[in-house]
Amino acid sequence: MPVRRAGRWAGLQRLCAGLDGLPLAAPTASALTQARRRLGPAPLRALFGLLSGPAPVAAATTGVRVGGLLVCAIDGTTLSVADTPANHGVYTTQPGHHGGSGYRLLRLVALVACGTRSLIDVVFGPTSSGETTMTNQLLEHLHAGMLVLCDRNLTTAALTGRIAASGAQLLGRCKANRKLPLVGRLPDGSWLSLLGGVTVRVVDAEITIATRAAAPAAATGWPPP
């Protein structure tokens, strides 16, 4: 289901849609904006702390667990921030082939429970902070019983070792130029190697993804044991 952006006034209307008959205030859009600024970030920070974490679901719900492990993912993105003096002191615009970003951007890295799409935790900062550096701040939420998915930028030796130390299992792609030493071969054609001091299982795999908009695209990857 696509996510549609809505202004504060439209958001208030949705929140109050089931409260017919109650004497509700009817603030203007500008009044809502001013009230939001007076509140500051504390209420939303408290709300996120209350609601963050994997949503409780039935154990048999499809996609939540694989092999008894809670399927999670770590990934990053960039988001536009408001054009304010405070943000100008922290965030910058980004260049690009089509003129770059109009607004200043922050980098956000999230740990997500894939089956429920619920946020376990997020960190954010200026785009000068790399995803691998910011991912270190999420590792305290990893534990045994998790299967963590990540892309090839996060399968560094350092992060692989730290994720393994948390007790979580890791499944990720490696860059094509990654040199992994051969430790042993397995009967199914995969092989064992070392990455970040951790014994990993390497699989040369080709995954074909067919979409409505484009021809099938192939990608290669590897999972750990």
Protein backbone atom coordinates (compact mmCIF):
# COMPACT_ATOMS: atom_id res chain seq x y z
CA MET A 1 0.00 0.00 0.00
CA PRO A 2 1.62 3.32 -1.02
CA VAL A 3 2.40 5.87 1.69
CA ARG A 4 0.97 9.31 0.98
CA ARG A 5 2.31 12.45 2.61
CA ALA A 6 -0.26 14.63 4.37
CA GLY A 7 -0.03 18.05 6.01
CA ARG A 8 -0.60 18.57 9.73
CA TRP A 9 -4.21 19.68 9.16
CA ALA A 10 -5.03 16.57 7.13
CA GLY A 11 -3.31 14.47 9.79
CA LEU A 12 -5.43 16.04 12.54
CA GLN A 13 -8.61 15.33 10.55
CA ARG A 14 -7.69 11.66 10.27
CA LEU A 15 -6.89 11.40 13.96
CA CYS A 16 -10.24 12.95 14.91
CA ALA A 17 -12.36 11.17 12.29
CA GLY A 18 -13.94 8.85 14.87
CA LEU A 19 -14.65 11.52 17.48
CA ASP A 20 -17.89 12.94 16.04
CA GLY A 21 -20.07 14.66 18.59
CA LEU A 22 -17.23 15.76 20.88
CA PRO A 23 -16.43 19.47 21.35
CA LEU A 24 -13.14 19.48 19.45
CA ALA A 25 -11.02 22.52 18.68
CA ALA A 26 -10.63 23.48 15.02
CA PRO A 27 -7.18 25.11 14.71
CA THR A 28 -5.94 26.50 11.44
CA ALA A 29 -3.01 24.94 9.61
CA SER A 30 -0.72 27.79 10.66
CA ALA A 31 -1.80 27.42 14.31
CA LEU A 32 -0.92 23.71 14.16
CA THR A 33 2.51 24.54 12.75
CA GLN A 34 3.19 27.07 15.50
CA ALA A 35 2.01 24.64 18.19
CA ARG A 36 4.26 21.92 16.79
CA ARG A 37 7.26 24.24 16.98
CA ARG A 38 6.48 25.12 20.60
CA LEU A 39 6.35 21.44 21.55
CA GLY A 40 9.79 20.67 20.14
CA PRO A 41 11.10 17.13 19.53
CA ALA A 42 10.52 15.68 23.03
CA PRO A 43 6.94 14.35 22.50
CA LEU A 44 7.83 12.57 19.25
CA ARG A 45 11.00 11.17 20.81
CA ALA A 46 8.94 9.78 23.69
CA LEU A 47 6.32 8.36 21.28
CA PHE A 48 9.00 6.63 19.22
CA GLY A 49 10.53 5.15 22.36
CA LEU A 50 7.11 3.81 23.35
CA LEU A 51 6.25 2.26 19.99
CA SER A 52 9.63 1.15 18.61
CA GLY A 53 10.56 -2.51 18.52
CA PRO A 54 9.27 -5.55 16.63
CA ALA A 55 5.47 -5.63 16.70
CA PRO A 56 4.00 -8.67 18.50
CA VAL A 57 2.54 -11.14 16.01
CA ALA A 58 1.54 -14.77 15.94
CA ALA A 59 4.53 -17.10 15.64
CA ALA A 60 3.19 -18.58 12.39
CA THR A 61 2.81 -15.22 10.59
CA THR A 62 4.43 -15.52 7.16
CA GLY A 63 7.69 -13.64 6.67
CA VAL A 64 8.29 -12.71 10.30
CA ARG A 65 10.63 -15.61 11.09
CA VAL A 66 12.77 -17.94 9.02
CA GLY A 67 14.16 -21.05 10.67
CA GLY A 68 13.00 -19.70 14.00
CA LEU A 69 14.95 -16.45 13.54
CA LEU A 70 13.33 -12.98 13.54
CA VAL A 71 14.07 -11.51 10.10
CA CYS A 72 15.43 -7.96 10.37
CA ALA A 73 17.25 -5.58 8.05
CA ILE A 74 19.63 -2.66 8.36
CA ASP A 75 19.56 -0.04 5.62
CA GLY A 76 19.94 3.68 5.14
CA THR A 77 18.41 6.55 3.20
CA THR A 78 18.48 10.34 3.03
CA LEU A 79 15.62 12.69 3.95
CA SER A 80 15.03 16.40 3.37
CA VAL A 81 15.01 18.63 6.46
CA ALA A 82 13.26 21.93 7.05
CA ASP A 83 14.94 25.07 5.74
CA THR A 84 15.80 26.54 9.16
CA PRO A 85 18.94 28.26 10.53
CA ALA A 86 19.42 25.42 13.04
CA ASN A 87 19.43 22.80 10.27
CA HIS A 88 21.77 24.93 8.16
CA GLY A 89 24.39 24.56 10.89
CA VAL A 90 24.28 20.74 10.77
CA TYR A 91 23.07 19.51 7.37
CA THR A 92 24.15 20.28 3.81
CA THR A 93 22.73 19.99 0.32
CA GLN A 94 24.04 17.26 -1.96
CA PRO A 95 25.31 17.60 -5.55
CA GLY A 96 23.80 15.54 -8.35
CA HIS A 97 23.56 15.14 -12.12
CA HIS A 98 20.23 17.01 -12.16
CA GLY A 99 21.12 20.00 -10.00
CA GLY A 100 21.48 18.29 -6.63
CA SER A 101 19.10 18.42 -3.68
CA GLY A 102 17.00 21.53 -3.17
CA TYR A 103 16.78 21.08 0.60
CA ARG A 104 19.46 20.04 3.02
CA LEU A 105 19.56 16.32 3.73
CA LEU A 106 20.11 14.07 6.72
CA ARG A 107 21.23 10.46 6.58
CA LEU A 108 19.02 7.95 8.40
CA VAL A 109 19.93 4.31 9.11
CA ALA A 110 17.25 1.99 10.47
CA LEU A 111 16.97 -1.47 11.99
CA VAL A 112 13.63 -2.87 10.82
CA ALA A 113 11.67 -6.05 11.56
CA CYS A 114 10.93 -7.14 7.99
CA GLY A 115 7.76 -9.16 8.55
CA THR A 116 5.88 -6.38 10.34
CA ARG A 117 7.85 -3.41 8.91
CA SER A 118 8.15 -2.04 12.42
CA LEU A 119 11.15 0.08 13.42
CA ILE A 120 13.33 -1.37 16.15
CA ASP A 121 15.61 1.68 16.23
CA VAL A 122 16.91 4.46 13.98
CA VAL A 123 19.89 6.79 14.02
CA PHE A 124 20.39 9.90 11.94
CA GLY A 125 22.95 12.63 11.33
CA PRO A 126 24.55 14.69 8.57
CA THR A 127 25.27 13.01 5.25
CA SER A 128 28.99 13.33 6.03
CA SER A 129 28.43 10.40 8.42
CA GLY A 130 28.66 7.09 6.57
CA GLU A 131 26.18 4.23 6.86
CA THR A 132 28.79 1.88 8.28
CA THR A 133 29.69 4.33 11.04
CA MET A 134 26.04 4.95 11.95
CA THR A 135 25.23 1.23 11.90
CA ASN A 136 27.52 0.78 14.92
CA GLN A 137 24.96 2.72 16.98
CA LEU A 138 22.28 0.09 16.19
CA LEU A 139 24.27 -2.97 17.25
CA GLU A 140 23.15 -2.80 20.89
CA HIS A 141 19.68 -3.87 19.68
CA LEU A 142 20.95 -7.06 18.02
CA HIS A 143 20.79 -10.35 19.89
CA ALA A 144 20.61 -14.11 19.44
CA GLY A 145 17.47 -15.20 17.59
CA MET A 146 17.77 -12.51 14.90
CA LEU A 147 18.63 -12.89 11.21
CA VAL A 148 19.96 -9.53 10.00
CA LEU A 149 19.86 -8.68 6.28
CA CYS A 150 22.09 -5.98 4.84
CA ASP A 151 23.52 -4.80 1.54
CA ARG A 152 27.10 -5.03 0.35
CA ASN A 153 28.18 -1.70 1.87
CA LEU A 154 27.63 -3.09 5.36
CA THR A 155 29.35 -6.46 4.99
CA THR A 156 32.67 -5.05 6.14
CA ALA A 157 35.06 -7.14 8.21
CA ALA A 158 34.57 -4.90 11.25
CA LEU A 159 30.76 -4.91 11.17
CA THR A 160 30.58 -8.64 10.44
CA GLY A 161 32.64 -9.32 13.54
CA ARG A 162 30.54 -7.03 15.71
CA ILE A 163 27.23 -8.45 14.49
CA ALA A 164 28.48 -11.98 15.12
CA ALA A 165 29.55 -10.94 18.64
CA SER A 166 25.96 -9.83 19.37
CA GLY A 167 24.74 -13.39 18.79
CA ALA A 168 22.66 -12.41 15.74
CA GLN A 169 23.00 -14.20 12.38
CA LEU A 170 23.96 -12.17 9.29
CA LEU A 171 22.85 -12.56 5.67
CA GLY A 172 24.30 -10.07 3.21
CA ARG A 173 25.88 -9.48 -0.16
CA CYS A 174 29.58 -8.90 -0.74
CA LYS A 175 31.19 -6.58 -3.25
CA ALA A 176 32.47 -8.30 -6.38
CA ASN A 177 36.07 -7.32 -5.62
CA ARG A 178 36.01 -8.77 -2.09
CA LYS A 179 38.86 -11.22 -1.64
CA LEU A 180 37.66 -14.03 0.66
CA PRO A 181 40.19 -16.75 1.50
CA LEU A 182 39.17 -20.36 0.87
CA VAL A 183 38.99 -22.28 4.16
CA GLY A 184 37.00 -25.30 3.04
CA ARG A 185 34.50 -26.51 0.44
CA LEU A 186 31.02 -27.82 1.16
CA PRO A 187 29.15 -30.58 -0.75
CA ASP A 188 26.54 -28.17 -2.15
CA GLY A 189 29.19 -26.11 -3.96
CA SER A 190 29.38 -23.29 -1.39
CA TRP A 191 32.57 -22.72 0.57
CA LEU A 192 33.82 -21.49 3.92
CA SER A 193 35.89 -18.37 4.44
CA LEU A 194 36.84 -15.84 7.10
CA LEU A 195 35.51 -12.29 7.37
CA GLY A 196 36.18 -10.13 10.39
CA GLY A 197 37.47 -13.15 12.27
CA VAL A 198 34.15 -14.94 11.68
CA THR A 199 33.74 -18.15 9.71
CA VAL A 200 31.22 -17.43 6.95
CA ARG A 201 29.59 -19.55 4.28
CA VAL A 202 30.00 -18.10 0.78
CA VAL A 203 27.50 -18.82 -1.98
CA ASP A 204 27.90 -17.62 -5.57
CA ALA A 205 24.27 -16.92 -6.36
CA GLU A 206 22.36 -15.20 -9.13
CA ILE A 207 18.97 -13.75 -8.26
CA THR A 208 16.62 -12.66 -11.05
CA ILE A 209 13.99 -10.05 -10.21
CA ALA A 210 11.25 -9.41 -12.78
CA THR A 211 9.29 -6.15 -12.50
CA ARG A 212 6.51 -4.60 -14.51
CA ALA A 213 8.59 -1.55 -15.36
CA ALA A 214 11.80 -3.17 -16.60
CA ALA A 215 13.39 -6.35 -17.85
CA PRO A 216 14.65 -8.87 -15.28
CA ALA A 217 17.77 -7.81 -13.40
CA ALA A 218 20.32 -10.16 -11.87
CA ALA A 219 22.31 -9.74 -8.66
CA THR A 220 24.79 -11.91 -6.84
CA GLY A 221 25.21 -12.38 -3.12
CA TRP A 222 26.44 -14.55 -0.30
CA PRO A 223 24.97 -15.71 3.04
CA PRO A 224 26.92 -16.54 6.19
CA PRO A 225 26.40 -19.82 8.03
